[in-house]
Amino acid sequence: MTKDEDNQTAPICFSPRTAAKALGIGVTTLYAEMKAGRIAARKIGRRTIIMRTEIERYLASLPSASTHKAA
């Protein structure tokens, strides 16, 4: 499968529960990040969704992990 084919089949938005799972965090942490303004959500009627591009933007905004040497 090519990258273009993969992008066509990948979902463009997620429910909060699915977004949290994709990020590897809990739903409570996701809602805390949304409340803090670090993750933007959208509404379709009563349903909350998070765009795939927003998840990618959020991940790119996180600090890099650094390697700590034991003393």
N, C-alpha and C. Protein backbone atom coordinates (compact mmCIF):
# COMPACT_ATOMS: atom_id res chain seq x y z
N MET A 1 0.84 -1.17 0.00
CA MET A 1 0.00 0.00 0.00
C MET A 1 0.89 1.24 0.00
N THR A 2 0.57 2.18 -0.88
CA THR A 2 1.35 3.41 -0.95
C THR A 2 0.89 4.38 0.12
N LYS A 3 1.68 5.41 0.34
CA LYS A 3 1.33 6.42 1.34
C LYS A 3 0.02 7.11 0.99
N ASP A 4 -0.20 7.41 -0.30
CA ASP A 4 -1.44 8.05 -0.73
C ASP A 4 -2.64 7.15 -0.47
N GLU A 5 -2.49 5.85 -0.72
CA GLU A 5 -3.58 4.91 -0.46
C GLU A 5 -3.87 4.82 1.03
N ASP A 6 -2.81 4.84 1.84
CA ASP A 6 -2.96 4.77 3.28
C ASP A 6 -3.69 6.01 3.80
N ASN A 7 -3.36 7.20 3.28
CA ASN A 7 -4.02 8.43 3.70
C ASN A 7 -5.49 8.44 3.31
N GLN A 8 -5.83 7.79 2.21
CA GLN A 8 -7.22 7.76 1.78
C GLN A 8 -8.07 6.86 2.68
N THR A 9 -7.48 5.86 3.28
CA THR A 9 -8.23 4.95 4.13
C THR A 9 -8.14 5.31 5.60
N ALA A 10 -7.20 6.16 5.98
CA ALA A 10 -7.06 6.57 7.38
C ALA A 10 -8.19 7.54 7.74
N PRO A 11 -8.74 7.41 8.95
CA PRO A 11 -9.80 8.34 9.35
C PRO A 11 -9.27 9.76 9.47
N ILE A 12 -10.14 10.74 9.18
CA ILE A 12 -9.71 12.13 9.27
C ILE A 12 -10.07 12.75 10.61
N CYS A 13 -10.93 12.07 11.39
CA CYS A 13 -11.25 12.57 12.72
C CYS A 13 -11.52 11.39 13.65
N PHE A 14 -11.42 11.68 14.94
CA PHE A 14 -11.53 10.66 15.96
C PHE A 14 -12.46 11.13 17.08
N SER A 15 -13.08 10.20 17.74
CA SER A 15 -13.79 10.51 18.98
C SER A 15 -12.72 10.74 20.05
N PRO A 16 -13.06 11.41 21.14
CA PRO A 16 -12.06 11.59 22.20
C PRO A 16 -11.47 10.27 22.70
N ARG A 17 -12.29 9.25 22.83
CA ARG A 17 -11.78 7.94 23.31
C ARG A 17 -10.78 7.35 22.32
N THR A 18 -11.09 7.42 21.03
CA THR A 18 -10.20 6.88 20.00
C THR A 18 -8.94 7.73 19.88
N ALA A 19 -9.08 9.04 20.00
CA ALA A 19 -7.90 9.93 19.94
C ALA A 19 -6.97 9.64 21.11
N ALA A 20 -7.53 9.46 22.29
CA ALA A 20 -6.71 9.16 23.46
C ALA A 20 -5.95 7.85 23.25
N LYS A 21 -6.64 6.85 22.72
CA LYS A 21 -6.00 5.56 22.46
C LYS A 21 -4.88 5.72 21.44
N ALA A 22 -5.13 6.50 20.39
CA ALA A 22 -4.11 6.72 19.36
C ALA A 22 -2.88 7.43 19.93
N LEU A 23 -3.11 8.33 20.88
CA LEU A 23 -2.01 9.08 21.51
C LEU A 23 -1.33 8.28 22.61
N GLY A 24 -1.96 7.23 23.07
CA GLY A 24 -1.40 6.44 24.16
C GLY A 24 -1.57 7.10 25.52
N ILE A 25 -2.64 7.89 25.67
CA ILE A 25 -2.94 8.56 26.93
C ILE A 25 -4.36 8.21 27.35
N GLY A 26 -4.70 8.53 28.57
CA GLY A 26 -6.05 8.29 29.05
C GLY A 26 -7.01 9.38 28.59
N VAL A 27 -8.29 9.06 28.62
CA VAL A 27 -9.31 10.02 28.20
C VAL A 27 -9.30 11.24 29.12
N THR A 28 -9.06 11.04 30.42
CA THR A 28 -9.01 12.16 31.36
C THR A 28 -7.87 13.11 30.99
N THR A 29 -6.72 12.56 30.63
CA THR A 29 -5.59 13.39 30.22
C THR A 29 -5.92 14.14 28.93
N LEU A 30 -6.57 13.47 28.00
CA LEU A 30 -6.97 14.12 26.75
C LEU A 30 -7.88 15.30 27.04
N TYR A 31 -8.90 15.10 27.88
CA TYR A 31 -9.81 16.20 28.21
C TYR A 31 -9.08 17.33 28.93
N ALA A 32 -8.09 17.01 29.75
CA ALA A 32 -7.30 18.05 30.42
C ALA A 32 -6.50 18.86 29.39
N GLU A 33 -5.95 18.19 28.40
CA GLU A 33 -5.21 18.88 27.33
C GLU A 33 -6.15 19.74 26.50
N MET A 34 -7.37 19.27 26.27
CA MET A 34 -8.36 20.06 25.56
C MET A 34 -8.75 21.30 26.37
N LYS A 35 -8.98 21.12 27.66
CA LYS A 35 -9.36 22.24 28.53
C LYS A 35 -8.24 23.28 28.61
N ALA A 36 -6.99 22.82 28.58
CA ALA A 36 -5.84 23.73 28.64
C ALA A 36 -5.59 24.41 27.30
N GLY A 37 -6.31 24.00 26.27
CA GLY A 37 -6.15 24.61 24.95
C GLY A 37 -5.03 24.03 24.12
N ARG A 38 -4.47 22.91 24.56
CA ARG A 38 -3.37 22.30 23.81
C ARG A 38 -3.84 21.36 22.71
N ILE A 39 -5.08 20.88 22.82
CA ILE A 39 -5.70 20.07 21.78
C ILE A 39 -7.05 20.70 21.46
N ALA A 40 -7.25 21.03 20.19
CA ALA A 40 -8.52 21.64 19.77
C ALA A 40 -9.48 20.56 19.30
N ALA A 41 -10.70 20.65 19.79
CA ALA A 41 -11.76 19.73 19.38
C ALA A 41 -12.82 20.51 18.62
N ARG A 42 -13.63 19.80 17.89
CA ARG A 42 -14.73 20.40 17.14
C ARG A 42 -16.00 19.65 17.50
N LYS A 43 -17.12 20.27 17.20
CA LYS A 43 -18.41 19.66 17.49
C LYS A 43 -19.20 19.44 16.21
N ILE A 44 -19.82 18.29 16.10
CA ILE A 44 -20.80 18.00 15.07
C ILE A 44 -22.07 17.65 15.85
N GLY A 45 -22.97 18.60 15.95
CA GLY A 45 -24.13 18.40 16.82
C GLY A 45 -23.64 18.26 18.25
N ARG A 46 -23.99 17.16 18.89
CA ARG A 46 -23.54 16.92 20.26
C ARG A 46 -22.24 16.13 20.31
N ARG A 47 -21.79 15.65 19.17
CA ARG A 47 -20.60 14.80 19.12
C ARG A 47 -19.32 15.64 19.08
N THR A 48 -18.36 15.27 19.90
CA THR A 48 -17.04 15.91 19.92
C THR A 48 -16.11 15.09 19.04
N ILE A 49 -15.37 15.78 18.17
CA ILE A 49 -14.39 15.10 17.32
C ILE A 49 -13.06 15.84 17.39
N ILE A 50 -12.00 15.11 17.11
CA ILE A 50 -10.66 15.67 17.06
C ILE A 50 -10.08 15.28 15.70
N MET A 51 -9.67 16.28 14.95
CA MET A 51 -9.14 16.05 13.61
C MET A 51 -7.77 15.36 13.69
N ARG A 52 -7.50 14.49 12.73
CA ARG A 52 -6.19 13.83 12.66
C ARG A 52 -5.06 14.86 12.57
N THR A 53 -5.29 15.93 11.80
CA THR A 53 -4.26 16.97 11.67
C THR A 53 -3.99 17.65 13.01
N GLU A 54 -5.02 17.76 13.86
CA GLU A 54 -4.84 18.35 15.19
C GLU A 54 -4.00 17.44 16.07
N ILE A 55 -4.23 16.14 15.98
CA ILE A 55 -3.43 15.19 16.74
C ILE A 55 -1.97 15.27 16.29
N GLU A 56 -1.74 15.33 14.99
CA GLU A 56 -0.38 15.44 14.46
C GLU A 56 0.28 16.75 14.91
N ARG A 57 -0.48 17.86 14.90
CA ARG A 57 0.05 19.15 15.33
C ARG A 57 0.43 19.09 16.81
N TYR A 58 -0.45 18.50 17.62
CA TYR A 58 -0.20 18.38 19.05
C TYR A 58 1.07 17.57 19.31
N LEU A 59 1.22 16.44 18.64
CA LEU A 59 2.42 15.61 18.82
C LEU A 59 3.68 16.37 18.43
N ALA A 60 3.62 17.13 17.34
CA ALA A 60 4.78 17.90 16.89
C ALA A 60 5.13 19.01 17.88
N SER A 61 4.15 19.47 18.66
CA SER A 61 4.40 20.57 19.60
C SER A 61 5.02 20.09 20.91
N LEU A 62 5.00 18.79 21.15
CA LEU A 62 5.54 18.26 22.40
C LEU A 62 7.07 18.35 22.41
N PRO A 63 7.66 18.54 23.58
CA PRO A 63 9.12 18.61 23.66
C PRO A 63 9.76 17.27 23.34
N SER A 64 10.95 17.31 22.82
CA SER A 64 11.70 16.09 22.52
C SER A 64 12.11 15.42 23.83
N ALA A 65 12.14 14.13 23.79
CA ALA A 65 12.62 13.38 24.95
C ALA A 65 14.12 13.49 25.01
N SER A 66 14.65 13.67 26.19
CA SER A 66 16.11 13.73 26.32
C SER A 66 16.58 12.50 27.08
N THR A 67 17.76 12.10 26.78
CA THR A 67 18.35 10.94 27.45
C THR A 67 19.10 11.44 28.67
N HIS A 68 18.76 10.88 29.81
CA HIS A 68 19.42 11.25 31.06
C HIS A 68 20.42 10.16 31.44
N LYS A 69 21.62 10.58 31.77
CA LYS A 69 22.62 9.62 32.22
C LYS A 69 22.53 9.50 33.74
N ALA A 70 22.63 8.30 34.23
CA ALA A 70 22.64 8.09 35.66
C ALA A 70 23.96 8.57 36.23
N ALA A 71 23.89 9.22 37.37
CA ALA A 71 25.11 9.76 37.99
C ALA A 71 25.85 8.71 38.77
